[in-house]
Amino acid sequence: MKVRLPILEPGVAYIGASLFLPRSSVVEEPVRKALTFGIEAGLEPRTLVRVHPHHLEVPRNYLRREDLGRLGIEEVVDLNPRTFPPSSLRPKPGFGFRPNQEHAWAALEDSAFKGEDGGLRLDTGKGKTVLGLRYACEVGGPVLVVSAQEAHLRNWETELRARFDLDGPVGWVIGDKMEYQREVVFSTIQTLVKRAEVGKLPLDFHARFALTIYDEAHHQAAEWFARGSDLTMGQRLWLTATLKRRDRCEGIVLYHLGRVLY
């Protein structure tokens, strides 16, 4: 089950979990071509466009707001929530970054101020987990951390307990667990997609999280995993050490989850 949409007015662009482009304002063929992946690698083509009566639904970060203005789209409606429940997540006293993390953190701070989606490409061992959790503190509100491997999520919980404080337990959306109303929630992408496909994600799930963090985000270009990239309406942060893929589909990650911040 995806986010329930309001009536979409012709000629108006909408930004929510996806971007809705008015068909009267865009030339459709170039959009389809730009959002078709897999051909260069000899795979079955995948086009990231859904057609509605008056709109093309495309990944949220395919175009930025200034791009919409250049297309002559004057009215843009933001469907995303303005406020979120508060979060008690905070760094422990004495928290600090290593010198090799300062530049990445500066890029994240700027993104938090602007409310942008985006990601970090940092080598293994450079502290992506700590940066992601500290970013969640900066954004405020409930955070969802997503990974393809439960073991990675357990490592996130360990780092959280070691370097951050949280007034309450974390939640898990995995297997039969559906503890999504906690301040910090961990889920495998497989569980999210399976539940979404059969309509077992609660309606308030989609607007619950101020921030969704995708760990090992290069996996989000895979067809099954990509279906979980537009399930939430808050900010998105992706983290990976290796963005480039053999199938040359890393653009799927960037269009769904945002540009490279650092």
Protein backbone atom coordinates (compact mmCIF):
# COMPACT_ATOMS: atom_id res chain seq x y z
CA MET A 1 0.00 0.00 0.00
CA LYS A 2 1.43 3.37 -1.04
CA VAL A 3 0.66 6.81 0.35
CA ARG A 4 -2.97 7.70 -0.31
CA LEU A 5 -3.03 10.61 -2.75
CA PRO A 6 -5.33 13.62 -2.81
CA ILE A 7 -7.02 14.64 -6.03
CA LEU A 8 -4.26 15.91 -8.31
CA GLU A 9 -5.20 19.09 -10.14
CA PRO A 10 -4.06 19.44 -13.78
CA GLY A 11 -1.19 21.86 -14.32
CA VAL A 12 0.04 21.62 -10.72
CA ALA A 13 3.18 19.78 -9.58
CA TYR A 14 3.12 17.84 -6.31
CA ILE A 15 6.00 16.73 -4.10
CA GLY A 16 5.34 13.90 -1.67
CA ALA A 17 6.89 10.46 -1.42
CA SER A 18 7.18 10.86 -5.21
CA LEU A 19 7.21 13.82 -7.60
CA PHE A 20 4.12 14.37 -9.75
CA LEU A 21 4.80 16.34 -12.92
CA PRO A 22 1.85 17.87 -14.80
CA ARG A 23 1.72 16.27 -18.21
CA SER A 24 0.72 19.59 -19.75
CA SER A 25 4.10 21.06 -18.77
CA VAL A 26 6.58 18.33 -19.75
CA VAL A 27 7.56 16.46 -22.89
CA GLU A 28 7.05 12.87 -21.86
CA GLU A 29 9.50 11.02 -24.09
CA PRO A 30 12.69 12.66 -22.72
CA VAL A 31 11.44 12.01 -19.17
CA ARG A 32 10.91 8.34 -19.94
CA LYS A 33 14.31 8.09 -21.60
CA ALA A 34 16.11 9.73 -18.67
CA LEU A 35 14.37 7.41 -16.22
CA THR A 36 14.96 4.16 -18.11
CA PHE A 37 17.73 1.97 -16.72
CA GLY A 38 19.36 -1.36 -17.55
CA ILE A 39 19.71 -1.05 -21.33
CA GLU A 40 23.45 -0.32 -21.28
CA ALA A 41 24.08 -3.41 -19.17
CA GLY A 42 21.96 -5.62 -21.44
CA LEU A 43 19.20 -6.01 -18.85
CA GLU A 44 15.44 -5.79 -19.16
CA PRO A 45 14.72 -2.04 -19.27
CA ARG A 46 13.18 -0.47 -16.18
CA THR A 47 11.39 2.86 -16.52
CA LEU A 48 10.72 4.76 -13.29
CA VAL A 49 7.56 6.50 -14.50
CA ARG A 50 3.96 5.86 -13.50
CA VAL A 51 1.27 7.47 -15.62
CA HIS A 52 -1.76 9.18 -14.08
CA PRO A 53 -4.52 10.98 -16.01
CA HIS A 54 -2.90 14.41 -15.69
CA HIS A 55 0.52 13.65 -14.17
CA LEU A 56 3.68 11.61 -14.53
CA GLU A 57 4.77 10.13 -11.20
CA VAL A 58 8.57 9.98 -11.03
CA PRO A 59 11.16 9.57 -8.25
CA ARG A 60 11.12 12.52 -5.86
CA ASN A 61 14.64 13.71 -6.63
CA TYR A 62 14.48 13.48 -10.41
CA LEU A 63 14.09 17.27 -10.53
CA ARG A 64 14.82 19.93 -7.94
CA ARG A 65 12.44 22.81 -7.22
CA GLU A 66 14.44 25.26 -9.32
CA ASP A 67 14.21 22.83 -12.25
CA LEU A 68 10.43 22.89 -12.03
CA GLY A 69 10.47 26.67 -12.36
CA ARG A 70 12.60 26.44 -15.50
CA LEU A 71 9.98 24.12 -16.98
CA GLY A 72 7.38 26.80 -16.46
CA ILE A 73 5.65 24.97 -13.62
CA GLU A 74 4.57 27.83 -11.41
CA GLU A 75 2.45 26.02 -8.82
CA VAL A 76 4.12 23.34 -6.70
CA VAL A 77 2.25 21.78 -3.77
CA ASP A 78 4.26 20.07 -1.02
CA LEU A 79 2.31 17.09 0.33
CA ASN A 80 4.89 16.15 2.94
CA PRO A 81 4.19 16.63 6.67
CA ARG A 82 5.31 19.90 8.21
CA THR A 83 5.71 18.61 11.76
CA PHE A 84 6.61 15.30 13.37
CA PRO A 85 6.43 13.89 16.90
CA PRO A 86 9.45 14.94 18.99
CA SER A 87 12.41 12.66 19.52
CA SER A 88 14.63 12.30 22.58
CA LEU A 89 17.59 10.96 20.57
CA ARG A 90 20.69 12.97 21.48
CA PRO A 91 24.47 12.57 21.61
CA LYS A 92 25.98 11.49 24.91
CA PRO A 93 27.95 14.15 26.82
CA GLY A 94 31.41 14.50 25.35
CA PHE A 95 30.36 13.32 21.88
CA GLY A 96 32.63 14.47 19.07
CA PHE A 97 33.64 13.66 15.51
CA ARG A 98 37.01 12.44 14.36
CA PRO A 99 38.93 14.95 12.20
CA ASN A 100 38.25 12.87 9.07
CA GLN A 101 34.49 13.18 9.65
CA GLU A 102 34.26 16.96 9.98
CA HIS A 103 33.83 17.75 6.27
CA ALA A 104 31.13 15.11 5.83
CA TRP A 105 29.30 16.47 8.87
CA ALA A 106 29.44 20.02 7.51
CA ALA A 107 27.73 18.80 4.32
CA LEU A 108 25.07 17.03 6.37
CA GLU A 109 24.40 20.08 8.53
CA ASP A 110 23.78 22.16 5.44
CA SER A 111 21.41 19.51 4.09
CA ALA A 112 19.47 19.39 7.37
CA PHE A 113 19.05 23.16 7.30
CA LYS A 114 17.69 23.05 3.73
CA GLY A 115 15.56 19.95 4.30
CA GLU A 116 17.19 18.17 1.36
CA ASP A 117 17.49 14.48 0.56
CA GLY A 118 20.97 13.17 -0.21
CA GLY A 119 23.76 10.86 0.80
CA LEU A 120 27.33 10.20 1.83
CA ARG A 121 29.79 8.03 -0.05
CA LEU A 122 32.40 7.24 2.57
CA ASP A 123 34.87 4.39 2.74
CA THR A 124 34.35 1.58 5.22
CA GLY A 125 35.48 2.55 8.70
CA LYS A 126 34.89 6.29 8.25
CA GLY A 127 31.93 6.35 10.65
CA LYS A 128 28.86 6.46 8.42
CA THR A 129 26.67 5.00 11.18
CA VAL A 130 27.68 7.63 13.74
CA LEU A 131 27.23 10.42 11.18
CA GLY A 132 23.78 9.08 10.30
CA LEU A 133 22.66 8.92 13.92
CA ARG A 134 24.01 12.38 14.66
CA TYR A 135 22.16 13.65 11.60
CA ALA A 136 18.95 12.11 12.96
CA CYS A 137 19.46 14.17 16.13
CA GLU A 138 19.81 17.30 14.02
CA VAL A 139 16.69 16.65 11.94
CA GLY A 140 14.60 15.73 14.99
CA GLY A 141 11.54 13.52 14.99
CA PRO A 142 11.22 9.76 14.54
CA VAL A 143 13.85 8.06 12.37
CA LEU A 144 13.64 4.86 10.34
CA VAL A 145 16.91 3.05 9.56
CA VAL A 146 16.73 0.60 6.66
CA SER A 147 19.25 -2.01 5.52
CA ALA A 148 19.23 -5.22 3.53
CA GLN A 149 20.90 -7.09 6.40
CA GLU A 150 19.64 -7.45 9.95
CA ALA A 151 23.23 -7.79 11.18
CA HIS A 152 23.99 -4.26 9.96
CA LEU A 153 20.96 -2.95 11.82
CA ARG A 154 22.13 -4.65 15.03
CA ASN A 155 25.42 -2.78 14.61
CA TRP A 156 23.44 0.47 14.33
CA GLU A 157 21.71 -0.30 17.62
CA THR A 158 25.07 -1.02 19.26
CA GLU A 159 26.50 2.32 18.08
CA LEU A 160 23.36 4.10 19.26
CA ARG A 161 23.66 2.63 22.76
CA ALA A 162 27.37 3.45 22.93
CA ARG A 163 27.33 7.08 21.76
CA PHE A 164 23.77 8.36 22.03
CA ASP A 165 20.96 8.58 24.58
CA LEU A 166 17.34 7.68 23.88
CA ASP A 167 14.46 7.84 26.36
CA GLY A 168 12.83 4.52 25.54
CA PRO A 169 13.38 1.36 23.54
CA VAL A 170 14.08 1.20 19.83
CA GLY A 171 11.50 -0.39 17.54
CA TRP A 172 11.84 -3.16 14.99
CA VAL A 173 9.86 -3.78 11.82
CA ILE A 174 11.06 -7.25 10.96
CA GLY A 175 9.38 -10.62 10.74
CA ASP A 176 6.17 -10.37 12.76
CA LYS A 177 7.28 -7.26 14.66
CA MET A 178 5.66 -3.95 13.76
CA GLU A 179 7.05 -1.54 16.39
CA TYR A 180 6.93 1.45 14.06
CA GLN A 181 5.66 4.00 16.59
CA ARG A 182 8.98 4.19 18.47
CA GLU A 183 11.34 7.14 18.14
CA VAL A 184 14.06 5.09 16.42
CA VAL A 185 12.98 2.15 14.26
CA PHE A 186 15.07 -0.43 12.42
CA SER A 187 13.77 -2.46 9.47
CA THR A 188 15.11 -4.61 6.68
CA ILE A 189 14.18 -3.37 3.23
CA GLN A 190 12.83 -6.84 2.47
CA THR A 191 10.27 -6.59 5.26
CA LEU A 192 9.17 -3.11 4.21
CA VAL A 193 8.65 -4.07 0.58
CA LYS A 194 6.83 -7.31 1.41
CA ARG A 195 4.47 -5.51 3.76
CA ALA A 196 3.87 -2.71 1.27
CA GLU A 197 3.17 -5.14 -1.56
CA VAL A 198 0.41 -6.91 0.39
CA GLY A 199 -1.02 -3.76 1.97
CA LYS A 200 0.20 -4.44 5.51
CA LEU A 201 1.89 -1.11 6.23
CA PRO A 202 -0.39 1.08 8.37
CA LEU A 203 -1.53 4.27 6.64
CA ASP A 204 0.19 6.45 9.23
CA PHE A 205 3.50 4.66 8.62
CA HIS A 206 4.22 6.69 5.50
CA ALA A 207 4.07 10.08 7.23
CA ARG A 208 5.49 8.90 10.56
CA PHE A 209 9.22 9.46 10.07
CA ALA A 210 11.02 12.78 9.88
CA LEU A 211 14.02 10.94 8.42
CA THR A 212 14.62 7.62 6.70
CA ILE A 213 18.23 6.42 6.51
CA TYR A 214 19.19 3.83 3.89
CA ASP A 215 22.36 1.96 4.86
CA GLU A 216 24.36 0.18 2.12
CA ALA A 217 22.23 2.23 -0.24
CA HIS A 218 23.77 0.94 -3.47
CA HIS A 219 21.44 -2.05 -3.02
CA GLN A 220 18.46 0.29 -3.47
CA ALA A 221 18.99 0.20 -7.24
CA ALA A 222 17.88 -3.45 -7.34
CA GLU A 223 14.34 -3.72 -8.68
CA TRP A 224 12.82 -5.29 -5.54
CA PHE A 225 14.62 -2.98 -3.11
CA ALA A 226 13.81 0.15 -5.16
CA ARG A 227 10.14 -0.44 -4.40
CA GLY A 228 10.96 0.52 -0.81
CA SER A 229 12.58 3.83 -1.71
CA ASP A 230 9.38 5.90 -1.85
CA LEU A 231 7.45 4.56 1.13
CA THR A 232 8.13 7.48 3.48
CA MET A 233 7.50 11.20 3.14
CA GLY A 234 10.15 12.75 5.42
CA GLN A 235 13.76 13.47 4.53
CA ARG A 236 15.95 10.71 3.12
CA LEU A 237 19.63 10.06 3.81
CA TRP A 238 21.60 7.35 2.07
CA LEU A 239 24.97 5.93 3.08
CA THR A 240 27.34 3.68 1.17
CA ALA A 241 31.00 3.03 0.51
CA THR A 242 30.44 1.93 -3.09
CA LEU A 243 27.76 3.82 -5.04
CA LYS A 244 28.80 2.60 -8.50
CA ARG A 245 27.20 -0.64 -9.72
CA ARG A 246 28.10 -3.09 -12.48
CA ASP A 247 24.64 -2.64 -14.01
CA ARG A 248 25.16 1.16 -14.14
CA CYS A 249 21.89 1.72 -12.28
CA GLU A 250 23.21 3.95 -9.52
CA GLY A 251 21.05 6.72 -10.96
CA ILE A 252 18.04 4.93 -9.50
CA VAL A 253 19.47 5.54 -6.03
CA LEU A 254 20.16 9.22 -6.74
CA TYR A 255 16.74 9.92 -8.24
CA HIS A 256 14.89 8.24 -5.37
CA LEU A 257 17.08 9.22 -2.42
CA GLY A 258 18.89 12.39 -3.44
CA ARG A 259 22.20 13.67 -4.73
CA VAL A 260 25.68 13.00 -3.34
CA LEU A 261 26.23 15.45 -0.48
CA TYR A 262 29.79 14.32 0.23
